[in-house]
Amino acid sequence: MYKGDIVLIPLSYHSRPDMNLKLVPALVLGLDNEGSATVAFITTQVELQDDCDLILHPKKGNGLKRRSLVKLNKMLTIEKDFIAGRLGTLSTREMNELNVRLLQLFELGDM
């Protein structure tokens, strides 16, 4: 697993009456040596886009089925063992755009 991988993670929603976990897509932003991964949530609700969010289109390499939005301001650090599977990965162009958006989000560099 690497930065830029699109993975599935279990998530529970309070609005779900059964309280069962649902597998949702997330983008790996970073990994540490202690078994944790920092991920950003991915949604198909593209109308919720903020300035720093990244739009992804379905492609063979990323495993997405619909146009999606990486919510870079919705991050979570989880144990790698909680990751249920890998859907795909970002292209080089998308990785470059991701890095620009992260710099923008954290107000780093000369933007």
PDB file of N, CA and C in Angstrom:
ATOM      1  N   MET A   1       0.839  -1.159   0.000  1.00  0.00           N
ATOM      2  CA  MET A   1       0.000   0.000   0.000  1.00  0.00           C
ATOM      3  C   MET A   1       0.897   1.239   0.000  1.00  0.00           C
ATOM      4  N   TYR A   2       0.481   2.262  -0.796  1.00  0.00           N
ATOM      5  CA  TYR A   2       1.280   3.459  -0.982  1.00  0.00           C
ATOM      6  C   TYR A   2       0.402   4.694  -1.002  1.00  0.00           C
ATOM      7  N   LYS A   3       1.029   5.857  -0.834  1.00  0.00           N
ATOM      8  CA  LYS A   3       0.311   7.118  -1.008  1.00  0.00           C
ATOM      9  C   LYS A   3      -0.287   7.114  -2.411  1.00  0.00           C
ATOM     10  N   GLY A   4      -1.545   7.505  -2.514  1.00  0.00           N
ATOM     11  CA  GLY A   4      -2.232   7.546  -3.801  1.00  0.00           C
ATOM     12  C   GLY A   4      -3.073   6.327  -4.083  1.00  0.00           C
ATOM     13  N   ASP A   5      -2.995   5.314  -3.231  1.00  0.00           N
ATOM     14  CA  ASP A   5      -3.854   4.135  -3.403  1.00  0.00           C
ATOM     15  C   ASP A   5      -5.277   4.456  -2.941  1.00  0.00           C
ATOM     16  N   ILE A   6      -6.238   3.955  -3.676  1.00  0.00           N
ATOM     17  CA  ILE A   6      -7.643   4.059  -3.286  1.00  0.00           C
ATOM     18  C   ILE A   6      -8.008   2.729  -2.642  1.00  0.00           C
ATOM     19  N   VAL A   7      -8.461   2.812  -1.394  1.00  0.00           N
ATOM     20  CA  VAL A   7      -8.726   1.614  -0.601  1.00  0.00           C
ATOM     21  C   VAL A   7     -10.159   1.638  -0.067  1.00  0.00           C
ATOM     22  N   LEU A   8     -10.571   0.518   0.491  1.00  0.00           N
ATOM     23  CA  LEU A   8     -11.865   0.423   1.162  1.00  0.00           C
ATOM     24  C   LEU A   8     -11.633   0.329   2.662  1.00  0.00           C
ATOM     25  N   ILE A   9     -12.369   1.160   3.412  1.00  0.00           N
ATOM     26  CA  ILE A   9     -12.274   1.111   4.869  1.00  0.00           C
ATOM     27  C   ILE A   9     -13.679   0.961   5.451  1.00  0.00           C
ATOM     28  N   PRO A  10     -13.796   0.296   6.610  1.00  0.00           N
ATOM     29  CA  PRO A  10     -15.112   0.154   7.252  1.00  0.00           C
ATOM     30  C   PRO A  10     -15.473   1.428   8.005  1.00  0.00           C
ATOM     31  N   LEU A  11     -16.736   1.814   7.884  1.00  0.00           N
ATOM     32  CA  LEU A  11     -17.216   3.019   8.551  1.00  0.00           C
ATOM     33  C   LEU A  11     -18.637   2.775   9.010  1.00  0.00           C
ATOM     34  N   SER A  12     -18.968   3.252  10.187  1.00  0.00           N
ATOM     35  CA  SER A  12     -20.355   3.155  10.650  1.00  0.00           C
ATOM     36  C   SER A  12     -20.986   4.534  10.588  1.00  0.00           C
ATOM     37  N   TYR A  13     -22.250   4.554  10.244  1.00  0.00           N
ATOM     38  CA  TYR A  13     -23.009   5.797  10.154  1.00  0.00           C
ATOM     39  C   TYR A  13     -24.100   5.778  11.210  1.00  0.00           C
ATOM     40  N   HIS A  14     -24.212   6.854  11.963  1.00  0.00           N
ATOM     41  CA  HIS A  14     -25.266   6.943  12.979  1.00  0.00           C
ATOM     42  C   HIS A  14     -26.651   6.940  12.340  1.00  0.00           C
ATOM     43  N   SER A  15     -26.735   7.371  11.099  1.00  0.00           N
ATOM     44  CA  SER A  15     -28.032   7.439  10.418  1.00  0.00           C
ATOM     45  C   SER A  15     -28.520   6.076   9.919  1.00  0.00           C
ATOM     46  N   ARG A  16     -27.637   5.092   9.919  1.00  0.00           N
ATOM     47  CA  ARG A  16     -28.037   3.742   9.489  1.00  0.00           C
ATOM     48  C   ARG A  16     -28.729   3.032  10.651  1.00  0.00           C
ATOM     49  N   PRO A  17     -29.959   2.598  10.447  1.00  0.00           N
ATOM     50  CA  PRO A  17     -30.684   1.959  11.550  1.00  0.00           C
ATOM     51  C   PRO A  17     -30.046   0.657  12.030  1.00  0.00           C
ATOM     52  N   ASP A  18     -29.358  -0.053  11.147  1.00  0.00           N
ATOM     53  CA  ASP A  18     -28.760  -1.334  11.545  1.00  0.00           C
ATOM     54  C   ASP A  18     -27.393  -1.167  12.209  1.00  0.00           C
ATOM     55  N   MET A  19     -26.812   0.039  12.148  1.00  0.00           N
ATOM     56  CA  MET A  19     -25.510   0.346  12.744  1.00  0.00           C
ATOM     57  C   MET A  19     -24.390  -0.566  12.237  1.00  0.00           C
ATOM     58  N   ASN A  20     -24.615  -1.271  11.138  1.00  0.00           N
ATOM     59  CA  ASN A  20     -23.576  -2.114  10.560  1.00  0.00           C
ATOM     60  C   ASN A  20     -22.519  -1.259   9.889  1.00  0.00           C
ATOM     61  N   LEU A  21     -21.322  -1.791   9.816  1.00  0.00           N
ATOM     62  CA  LEU A  21     -20.248  -1.102   9.123  1.00  0.00           C
ATOM     63  C   LEU A  21     -20.466  -1.193   7.626  1.00  0.00           C
ATOM     64  N   LYS A  22     -20.115  -0.120   6.952  1.00  0.00           N
ATOM     65  CA  LYS A  22     -20.204  -0.073   5.497  1.00  0.00           C
ATOM     66  C   LYS A  22     -18.792   0.172   4.975  1.00  0.00           C
ATOM     67  N   LEU A  23     -18.406  -0.529   3.914  1.00  0.00           N
ATOM     68  CA  LEU A  23     -17.106  -0.279   3.296  1.00  0.00           C
ATOM     69  C   LEU A  23     -17.212   0.940   2.394  1.00  0.00           C
ATOM     70  N   VAL A  24     -16.336   1.906   2.616  1.00  0.00           N
ATOM     71  CA  VAL A  24     -16.343   3.143   1.838  1.00  0.00           C
ATOM     72  C   VAL A  24     -14.949   3.374   1.261  1.00  0.00           C
ATOM     73  N   PRO A  25     -14.867   4.048   0.123  1.00  0.00           N
ATOM     74  CA  PRO A  25     -13.554   4.321  -0.465  1.00  0.00           C
ATOM     75  C   PRO A  25     -12.843   5.464   0.251  1.00  0.00           C
ATOM     76  N   ALA A  26     -11.534   5.362   0.289  1.00  0.00           N
ATOM     77  CA  ALA A  26     -10.696   6.404   0.876  1.00  0.00           C
ATOM     78  C   ALA A  26      -9.378   6.438   0.112  1.00  0.00           C
ATOM     79  N   LEU A  27      -8.710   7.564   0.172  1.00  0.00           N
ATOM     80  CA  LEU A  27      -7.431   7.745  -0.511  1.00  0.00           C
ATOM     81  C   LEU A  27      -6.308   7.764   0.519  1.00  0.00           C
ATOM     82  N   VAL A  28      -5.315   6.926   0.332  1.00  0.00           N
ATOM     83  CA  VAL A  28      -4.163   6.886   1.243  1.00  0.00           C
ATOM     84  C   VAL A  28      -3.307   8.132   1.003  1.00  0.00           C
ATOM     85  N   LEU A  29      -3.098   8.906   2.091  1.00  0.00           N
ATOM     86  CA  LEU A  29      -2.292  10.118   2.027  1.00  0.00           C
ATOM     87  C   LEU A  29      -0.906   9.910   2.609  1.00  0.00           C
ATOM     88  N   GLY A  30      -0.785   8.949   3.493  1.00  0.00           N
ATOM     89  CA  GLY A  30       0.506   8.699   4.102  1.00  0.00           C
ATOM     90  C   GLY A  30       0.479   7.451   4.958  1.00  0.00           C
ATOM     91  N   LEU A  31       1.661   6.894   5.182  1.00  0.00           N
ATOM     92  CA  LEU A  31       1.829   5.689   5.993  1.00  0.00           C
ATOM     93  C   LEU A  31       2.950   5.937   6.977  1.00  0.00           C
ATOM     94  N   ASP A  32       2.868   5.292   8.135  1.00  0.00           N
ATOM     95  CA  ASP A  32       3.982   5.381   9.064  1.00  0.00           C
ATOM     96  C   ASP A  32       4.565   4.003   9.320  1.00  0.00           C
ATOM     97  N   ASN A  33       5.633   3.957  10.075  1.00  0.00           N
ATOM     98  CA  ASN A  33       6.320   2.689  10.352  1.00  0.00           C
ATOM     99  C   ASN A  33       5.664   1.893  11.471  1.00  0.00           C
ATOM    100  N   GLU A  34       4.628   2.454  12.068  1.00  0.00           N
ATOM    101  CA  GLU A  34       3.985   1.803  13.205  1.00  0.00           C
ATOM    102  C   GLU A  34       2.675   1.121  12.831  1.00  0.00           C
ATOM    103  N   GLY A  35       2.383   1.024  11.547  1.00  0.00           N
ATOM    104  CA  GLY A  35       1.185   0.308  11.110  1.00  0.00           C
ATOM    105  C   GLY A  35      -0.046   1.157  10.929  1.00  0.00           C
ATOM    106  N   SER A  36       0.107   2.468  10.811  1.00  0.00           N
ATOM    107  CA  SER A  36      -1.034   3.356  10.608  1.00  0.00           C
ATOM    108  C   SER A  36      -1.009   3.971   9.214  1.00  0.00           C
ATOM    109  N   ALA A  37      -2.195   4.308   8.745  1.00  0.00           N
ATOM    110  CA  ALA A  37      -2.346   4.994   7.456  1.00  0.00           C
ATOM    111  C   ALA A  37      -3.258   6.191   7.645  1.00  0.00           C
ATOM    112  N   THR A  38      -2.886   7.312   7.069  1.00  0.00           N
ATOM    113  CA  THR A  38      -3.750   8.482   7.060  1.00  0.00           C
ATOM    114  C   THR A  38      -4.470   8.493   5.722  1.00  0.00           C
ATOM    115  N   VAL A  39      -5.795   8.592   5.783  1.00  0.00           N
ATOM    116  CA  VAL A  39      -6.613   8.525   4.578  1.00  0.00           C
ATOM    117  C   VAL A  39      -7.556   9.728   4.526  1.00  0.00           C
ATOM    118  N   ALA A  40      -8.016  10.043   3.319  1.00  0.00           N
ATOM    119  CA  ALA A  40      -9.051  11.052   3.103  1.00  0.00           C
ATOM    120  C   ALA A  40     -10.267  10.340   2.521  1.00  0.00           C
ATOM    121  N   PHE A  41     -11.433  10.738   2.976  1.00  0.00           N
ATOM    122  CA  PHE A  41     -12.661  10.112   2.511  1.00  0.00           C
ATOM    123  C   PHE A  41     -12.958  10.477   1.063  1.00  0.00           C
ATOM    124  N   ILE A  42     -13.608   9.563   0.359  1.00  0.00           N
ATOM    125  CA  ILE A  42     -14.027   9.770  -1.025  1.00  0.00           C
ATOM    126  C   ILE A  42     -15.548   9.657  -1.057  1.00  0.00           C
ATOM    127  N   THR A  43     -16.189  10.601  -1.739  1.00  0.00           N
ATOM    128  CA  THR A  43     -17.646  10.598  -1.864  1.00  0.00           C
ATOM    129  C   THR A  43     -18.042  10.807  -3.319  1.00  0.00           C
ATOM    130  N   THR A  44     -19.235  10.361  -3.661  1.00  0.00           N
ATOM    131  CA  THR A  44     -19.771  10.636  -5.002  1.00  0.00           C
ATOM    132  C   THR A  44     -20.611  11.915  -4.997  1.00  0.00           C
ATOM    133  N   GLN A  45     -20.733  12.555  -3.856  1.00  0.00           N
ATOM    134  CA  GLN A  45     -21.492  13.804  -3.755  1.00  0.00           C
ATOM    135  C   GLN A  45     -20.599  14.975  -4.153  1.00  0.00           C
ATOM    136  N   VAL A  46     -20.328  15.081  -5.448  1.00  0.00           N
ATOM    137  CA  VAL A  46     -19.372  16.074  -5.953  1.00  0.00           C
ATOM    138  C   VAL A  46     -19.857  17.504  -5.774  1.00  0.00           C
ATOM    139  N   GLU A  47     -21.139  17.686  -5.512  1.00  0.00           N
ATOM    140  CA  GLU A  47     -21.651  19.038  -5.278  1.00  0.00           C
ATOM    141  C   GLU A  47     -21.140  19.609  -3.951  1.00  0.00           C
ATOM    142  N   LEU A  48     -20.527  18.790  -3.116  1.00  0.00           N
ATOM    143  CA  LEU A  48     -19.985  19.222  -1.823  1.00  0.00           C
ATOM    144  C   LEU A  48     -18.544  19.709  -1.928  1.00  0.00           C
ATOM    145  N   GLN A  49     -18.056  19.933  -3.137  1.00  0.00           N
ATOM    146  CA  GLN A  49     -16.640  20.248  -3.352  1.00  0.00           C
ATOM    147  C   GLN A  49     -16.216  21.542  -2.671  1.00  0.00           C
ATOM    148  N   ASP A  50     -15.099  21.461  -1.944  1.00  0.00           N
ATOM    149  CA  ASP A  50     -14.409  22.621  -1.396  1.00  0.00           C
ATOM    150  C   ASP A  50     -13.221  22.919  -2.301  1.00  0.00           C
ATOM    151  N   ASP A  51     -12.598  24.076  -2.108  1.00  0.00           N
ATOM    152  CA  ASP A  51     -11.479  24.492  -2.963  1.00  0.00           C
ATOM    153  C   ASP A  51     -10.329  23.489  -2.996  1.00  0.00           C
ATOM    154  N   CYS A  52     -10.055  22.853  -1.870  1.00  0.00           N
ATOM    155  CA  CYS A  52      -8.894  21.960  -1.804  1.00  0.00           C
ATOM    156  C   CYS A  52      -9.223  20.526  -2.220  1.00  0.00           C
ATOM    157  N   ASP A  53     -10.487  20.201  -2.464  1.00  0.00           N
ATOM    158  CA  ASP A  53     -10.874  18.831  -2.800  1.00  0.00           C
ATOM    159  C   ASP A  53     -10.473  18.466  -4.223  1.00  0.00           C
ATOM    160  N   LEU A  54     -10.322  17.170  -4.446  1.00  0.00           N
ATOM    161  CA  LEU A  54      -9.850  16.647  -5.733  1.00  0.00           C
ATOM    162  C   LEU A  54     -10.945  15.820  -6.390  1.00  0.00           C
ATOM    163  N   ILE A  55     -11.297  16.171  -7.630  1.00  0.00           N
ATOM    164  CA  ILE A  55     -12.278  15.403  -8.406  1.00  0.00           C
ATOM    165  C   ILE A  55     -11.558  14.253  -9.101  1.00  0.00           C
ATOM    166  N   LEU A  56     -12.124  13.058  -9.008  1.00  0.00           N
ATOM    167  CA  LEU A  56     -11.598  11.883  -9.708  1.00  0.00           C
ATOM    168  C   LEU A  56     -12.668  11.329 -10.631  1.00  0.00           C
ATOM    169  N   HIS A  57     -12.261  10.965 -11.823  1.00  0.00           N
ATOM    170  CA  HIS A  57     -13.163  10.351 -12.789  1.00  0.00           C
ATOM    171  C   HIS A  57     -12.877   8.851 -12.836  1.00  0.00           C
ATOM    172  N   PRO A  58     -13.904   8.037 -13.062  1.00  0.00           N
ATOM    173  CA  PRO A  58     -13.681   6.587 -13.119  1.00  0.00           C
ATOM    174  C   PRO A  58     -12.722   6.227 -14.255  1.00  0.00           C
ATOM    175  N   LYS A  59     -11.755   5.400 -13.931  1.00  0.00           N
ATOM    176  CA  LYS A  59     -10.788   4.897 -14.911  1.00  0.00           C
ATOM    177  C   LYS A  59     -10.459   3.464 -14.535  1.00  0.00           C
ATOM    178  N   LYS A  60      -9.918   2.768 -15.470  1.00  0.00           N
ATOM    179  CA  LYS A  60      -9.534   1.382 -15.228  1.00  0.00           C
ATOM    180  C   LYS A  60      -8.563   1.268 -14.044  1.00  0.00           C
ATOM    181  N   GLY A  61      -7.646   2.175 -13.921  1.00  0.00           N
ATOM    182  CA  GLY A  61      -6.608   2.077 -12.905  1.00  0.00           C
ATOM    183  C   GLY A  61      -7.009   2.469 -11.501  1.00  0.00           C
ATOM    184  N   ASN A  62      -8.124   3.240 -11.353  1.00  0.00           N
ATOM    185  CA  ASN A  62      -8.446   3.684 -10.001  1.00  0.00           C
ATOM    186  C   ASN A  62      -9.568   2.890  -9.338  1.00  0.00           C
ATOM    187  N   GLY A  63     -10.300   2.101 -10.091  1.00  0.00           N
ATOM    188  CA  GLY A  63     -11.326   1.242  -9.512  1.00  0.00           C
ATOM    189  C   GLY A  63     -12.627   1.935  -9.163  1.00  0.00           C
ATOM    190  N   LEU A  64     -12.735   3.228  -9.435  1.00  0.00           N
ATOM    191  CA  LEU A  64     -13.975   3.945  -9.126  1.00  0.00           C
ATOM    192  C   LEU A  64     -15.017   3.705 -10.209  1.00  0.00           C
ATOM    193  N   LYS A  65     -16.270   3.686  -9.812  1.00  0.00           N
ATOM    194  CA  LYS A  65     -17.360   3.446 -10.760  1.00  0.00           C
ATOM    195  C   LYS A  65     -18.084   4.729 -11.160  1.00  0.00           C
ATOM    196  N   ARG A  66     -17.945   5.778 -10.333  1.00  0.00           N
ATOM    197  CA  ARG A  66     -18.608   7.049 -10.598  1.00  0.00           C
ATOM    198  C   ARG A  66     -17.648   8.208 -10.330  1.00  0.00           C
ATOM    199  N   ARG A  67     -17.970   9.346 -10.924  1.00  0.00           N
ATOM    200  CA  ARG A  67     -17.201  10.553 -10.635  1.00  0.00           C
ATOM    201  C   ARG A  67     -17.235  10.776  -9.124  1.00  0.00           C
ATOM    202  N   SER A  68     -16.082  11.055  -8.545  1.00  0.00           N
ATOM    203  CA  SER A  68     -15.981  11.115  -7.092  1.00  0.00           C
ATOM    204  C   SER A  68     -15.148  12.310  -6.648  1.00  0.00           C
ATOM    205  N   LEU A  69     -15.258  12.587  -5.376  1.00  0.00           N
ATOM    206  CA  LEU A  69     -14.591  13.731  -4.774  1.00  0.00           C
ATOM    207  C   LEU A  69     -13.769  13.259  -3.581  1.00  0.00           C
ATOM    208  N   VAL A  70     -12.477  13.577  -3.586  1.00  0.00           N
ATOM    209  CA  VAL A  70     -11.640  13.293  -2.429  1.00  0.00           C
ATOM    210  C   VAL A  70     -11.754  14.488  -1.492  1.00  0.00           C
ATOM    211  N   LYS A  71     -12.318  14.259  -0.323  1.00  0.00           N
ATOM    212  CA  LYS A  71     -12.514  15.308   0.678  1.00  0.00           C
ATOM    213  C   LYS A  71     -11.248  15.427   1.517  1.00  0.00           C
ATOM    214  N   LEU A  72     -10.315  16.255   1.051  1.00  0.00           N
ATOM    215  CA  LEU A  72      -9.017  16.355   1.710  1.00  0.00           C
ATOM    216  C   LEU A  72      -9.103  16.970   3.109  1.00  0.00           C
ATOM    217  N   ASN A  73     -10.191  17.657   3.406  1.00  0.00           N
ATOM    218  CA  ASN A  73     -10.350  18.193   4.760  1.00  0.00           C
ATOM    219  C   ASN A  73     -11.062  17.201   5.681  1.00  0.00           C
ATOM    220  N   LYS A  74     -11.297  15.980   5.209  1.00  0.00           N
ATOM    221  CA  LYS A  74     -11.896  14.903   6.008  1.00  0.00           C
ATOM    222  C   LYS A  74     -10.903  13.754   6.065  1.00  0.00           C
ATOM    223  N   MET A  75      -9.938  13.878   6.959  1.00  0.00           N
ATOM    224  CA  MET A  75      -8.874  12.882   7.089  1.00  0.00           C
ATOM    225  C   MET A  75      -9.072  12.057   8.354  1.00  0.00           C
ATOM    226  N   LEU A  76      -8.481  10.877   8.316  1.00  0.00           N
ATOM    227  CA  LEU A  76      -8.561   9.951   9.436  1.00  0.00           C
ATOM    228  C   LEU A  76      -7.296   9.107   9.441  1.00  0.00           C
ATOM    229  N   THR A  77      -6.744   8.863  10.616  1.00  0.00           N
ATOM    230  CA  THR A  77      -5.612   7.946  10.729  1.00  0.00           C
ATOM    231  C   THR A  77      -6.122   6.651  11.333  1.00  0.00           C
ATOM    232  N   ILE A  78      -5.887   5.554  10.631  1.00  0.00           N
ATOM    233  CA  ILE A  78      -6.384   4.250  11.058  1.00  0.00           C
ATOM    234  C   ILE A  78      -5.250   3.227  11.023  1.00  0.00           C
ATOM    235  N   GLU A  79      -5.459   2.124  11.697  1.00  0.00           N
ATOM    236  CA  GLU A  79      -4.519   1.019  11.601  1.00  0.00           C
ATOM    237  C   GLU A  79      -4.631   0.404  10.204  1.00  0.00           C
ATOM    238  N   LYS A  80      -3.508   0.068   9.610  1.00  0.00           N
ATOM    239  CA  LYS A  80      -3.523  -0.525   8.262  1.00  0.00           C
ATOM    240  C   LYS A  80      -4.351  -1.806   8.215  1.00  0.00           C
ATOM    241  N   ASP A  81      -4.439  -2.512   9.342  1.00  0.00           N
ATOM    242  CA  ASP A  81      -5.211  -3.754   9.393  1.00  0.00           C
ATOM    243  C   ASP A  81      -6.700  -3.536   9.134  1.00  0.00           C
ATOM    244  N   PHE A  82      -7.188  -2.306   9.331  1.00  0.00           N
ATOM    245  CA  PHE A  82      -8.596  -2.013   9.090  1.00  0.00           C
ATOM    246  C   PHE A  82      -8.915  -1.835   7.610  1.00  0.00           C
ATOM    247  N   ILE A  83      -7.895  -1.687   6.799  1.00  0.00           N
ATOM    248  CA  ILE A  83      -8.122  -1.514   5.361  1.00  0.00           C
ATOM    249  C   ILE A  83      -8.551  -2.851   4.779  1.00  0.00           C
ATOM    250  N   ALA A  84      -9.745  -2.837   4.157  1.00  0.00           N
ATOM    251  CA  ALA A  84     -10.364  -4.079   3.684  1.00  0.00           C
ATOM    252  C   ALA A  84      -9.890  -4.499   2.301  1.00  0.00           C
ATOM    253  N   GLY A  85      -9.348  -3.577   1.532  1.00  0.00           N
ATOM    254  CA  GLY A  85      -8.899  -3.926   0.188  1.00  0.00           C
ATOM    255  C   GLY A  85      -8.478  -2.696  -0.582  1.00  0.00           C
ATOM    256  N   ARG A  86      -7.864  -2.937  -1.715  1.00  0.00           N
ATOM    257  CA  ARG A  86      -7.374  -1.863  -2.588  1.00  0.00           C
ATOM    258  C   ARG A  86      -8.179  -1.878  -3.867  1.00  0.00           C
ATOM    259  N   LEU A  87      -8.710  -0.688  -4.246  1.00  0.00           N
ATOM    260  CA  LEU A  87      -9.455  -0.568  -5.500  1.00  0.00           C
ATOM    261  C   LEU A  87      -8.542  -0.219  -6.673  1.00  0.00           C
ATOM    262  N   GLY A  88      -7.576   0.646  -6.416  1.00  0.00           N
ATOM    263  CA  GLY A  88      -6.704   1.095  -7.497  1.00  0.00           C
ATOM    264  C   GLY A  88      -5.773   2.173  -6.989  1.00  0.00           C
ATOM    265  N   THR A  89      -5.288   2.999  -7.905  1.00  0.00           N
ATOM    266  CA  THR A  89      -4.343   4.051  -7.534  1.00  0.00           C
ATOM    267  C   THR A  89      -4.532   5.259  -8.438  1.00  0.00           C
ATOM    268  N   LEU A  90      -4.020   6.388  -8.007  1.00  0.00           N
ATOM    269  CA  LEU A  90      -4.095   7.609  -8.801  1.00  0.00           C
ATOM    270  C   LEU A  90      -3.066   7.578  -9.918  1.00  0.00           C
ATOM    271  N   SER A  91      -3.364   8.286 -10.988  1.00  0.00           N
ATOM    272  CA  SER A  91      -2.402   8.457 -12.070  1.00  0.00           C
ATOM    273  C   SER A  91      -1.338   9.463 -11.628  1.00  0.00           C
ATOM    274  N   THR A  92      -0.274   9.582 -12.391  1.00  0.00           N
ATOM    275  CA  THR A  92       0.779  10.553 -12.083  1.00  0.00           C
ATOM    276  C   THR A  92       0.214  11.971 -12.074  1.00  0.00           C
ATOM    277  N   ARG A  93      -0.626  12.279 -13.040  1.00  0.00           N
ATOM    278  CA  ARG A  93      -1.242  13.613 -13.103  1.00  0.00           C
ATOM    279  C   ARG A  93      -2.089  13.872 -11.867  1.00  0.00           C
ATOM    280  N   GLU A  94      -2.869  12.886 -11.447  1.00  0.00           N
ATOM    281  CA  GLU A  94      -3.720  13.034 -10.265  1.00  0.00           C
ATOM    282  C   GLU A  94      -2.877  13.163  -8.994  1.00  0.00           C
ATOM    283  N   MET A  95      -1.767  12.428  -8.925  1.00  0.00           N
ATOM    284  CA  MET A  95      -0.865  12.548  -7.769  1.00  0.00           C
ATOM    285  C   MET A  95      -0.276  13.955  -7.682  1.00  0.00           C
ATOM    286  N   ASN A  96       0.107  14.514  -8.830  1.00  0.00           N
ATOM    287  CA  ASN A  96       0.635  15.876  -8.845  1.00  0.00           C
ATOM    288  C   ASN A  96      -0.429  16.862  -8.372  1.00  0.00           C
ATOM    289  N   GLU A  97      -1.648  16.690  -8.845  1.00  0.00           N
ATOM    290  CA  GLU A  97      -2.759  17.558  -8.430  1.00  0.00           C
ATOM    291  C   GLU A  97      -3.053  17.383  -6.936  1.00  0.00           C
ATOM    292  N   LEU A  98      -2.989  16.153  -6.438  1.00  0.00           N
ATOM    293  CA  LEU A  98      -3.179  15.883  -5.014  1.00  0.00           C
ATOM    294  C   LEU A  98      -2.156  16.661  -4.187  1.00  0.00           C
ATOM    295  N   ASN A  99      -0.906  16.611  -4.587  1.00  0.00           N
ATOM    296  CA  ASN A  99       0.150  17.307  -3.844  1.00  0.00           C
ATOM    297  C   ASN A  99      -0.076  18.815  -3.833  1.00  0.00           C
ATOM    298  N   VAL A 100      -0.527  19.379  -4.951  1.00  0.00           N
ATOM    299  CA  VAL A 100      -0.836  20.810  -5.017  1.00  0.00           C
ATOM    300  C   VAL A 100      -1.977  21.131  -4.058  1.00  0.00           C
ATOM    301  N   ARG A 101      -3.013  20.295  -4.048  1.00  0.00           N
ATOM    302  CA  ARG A 101      -4.174  20.523  -3.174  1.00  0.00           C
ATOM    303  C   ARG A 101      -3.799  20.415  -1.699  1.00  0.00           C
ATOM    304  N   LEU A 102      -2.913  19.475  -1.353  1.00  0.00           N
ATOM    305  CA  LEU A 102      -2.480  19.347   0.035  1.00  0.00           C
ATOM    306  C   LEU A 102      -1.668  20.573   0.471  1.00  0.00           C
ATOM    307  N   LEU A 103      -0.811  21.074  -0.407  1.00  0.00           N
ATOM    308  CA  LEU A 103      -0.073  22.296  -0.101  1.00  0.00           C
ATOM    309  C   LEU A 103      -1.033  23.456   0.122  1.00  0.00           C
ATOM    310  N   GLN A 104      -2.066  23.528  -0.711  1.00  0.00           N
ATOM    311  CA  GLN A 104      -3.083  24.573  -0.599  1.00  0.00           C
ATOM    312  C   GLN A 104      -3.842  24.421   0.733  1.00  0.00           C
ATOM    313  N   LEU A 105      -4.262  23.219   1.054  1.00  0.00           N
ATOM    314  CA  LEU A 105      -5.035  22.970   2.266  1.00  0.00           C
ATOM    315  C   LEU A 105      -4.277  23.394   3.524  1.00  0.00           C
ATOM    316  N   PHE A 106      -3.001  23.031   3.589  1.00  0.00           N
ATOM    317  CA  PHE A 106      -2.211  23.312   4.771  1.00  0.00           C
ATOM    318  C   PHE A 106      -1.434  24.629   4.680  1.00  0.00           C
ATOM    319  N   GLU A 107      -1.709  25.393   3.617  1.00  0.00           N
ATOM    320  CA  GLU A 107      -1.089  26.704   3.408  1.00  0.00           C
ATOM    321  C   GLU A 107       0.430  26.615   3.471  1.00  0.00           C
ATOM    322  N   LEU A 108       0.982  25.657   2.726  1.00  0.00           N
ATOM    323  CA  LEU A 108       2.423  25.448   2.660  1.00  0.00           C
ATOM    324  C   LEU A 108       2.961  25.963   1.324  1.00  0.00           C
ATOM    325  N   GLY A 109       4.162  26.397   1.307  1.00  0.00           N
ATOM    326  CA  GLY A 109       4.781  26.830   0.057  1.00  0.00           C
ATOM    327  C   GLY A 109       4.366  28.241  -0.329  1.00  0.00           C
ATOM    328  N   ASP A 110       4.719  28.600  -1.534  1.00  0.00           N
ATOM    329  CA  ASP A 110       4.469  29.955  -2.062  1.00  0.00           C
ATOM    330  C   ASP A 110       3.245  29.964  -2.944  1.00  0.00           C
ATOM    331  N   MET A 111       2.120  29.609  -2.433  1.00  0.00           N
ATOM    332  CA  MET A 111       0.909  29.510  -3.244  1.00  0.00           C
ATOM    333  C   MET A 111       0.254  30.844  -3.351  1.00  0.00           C
TER     334      MET A 111
END
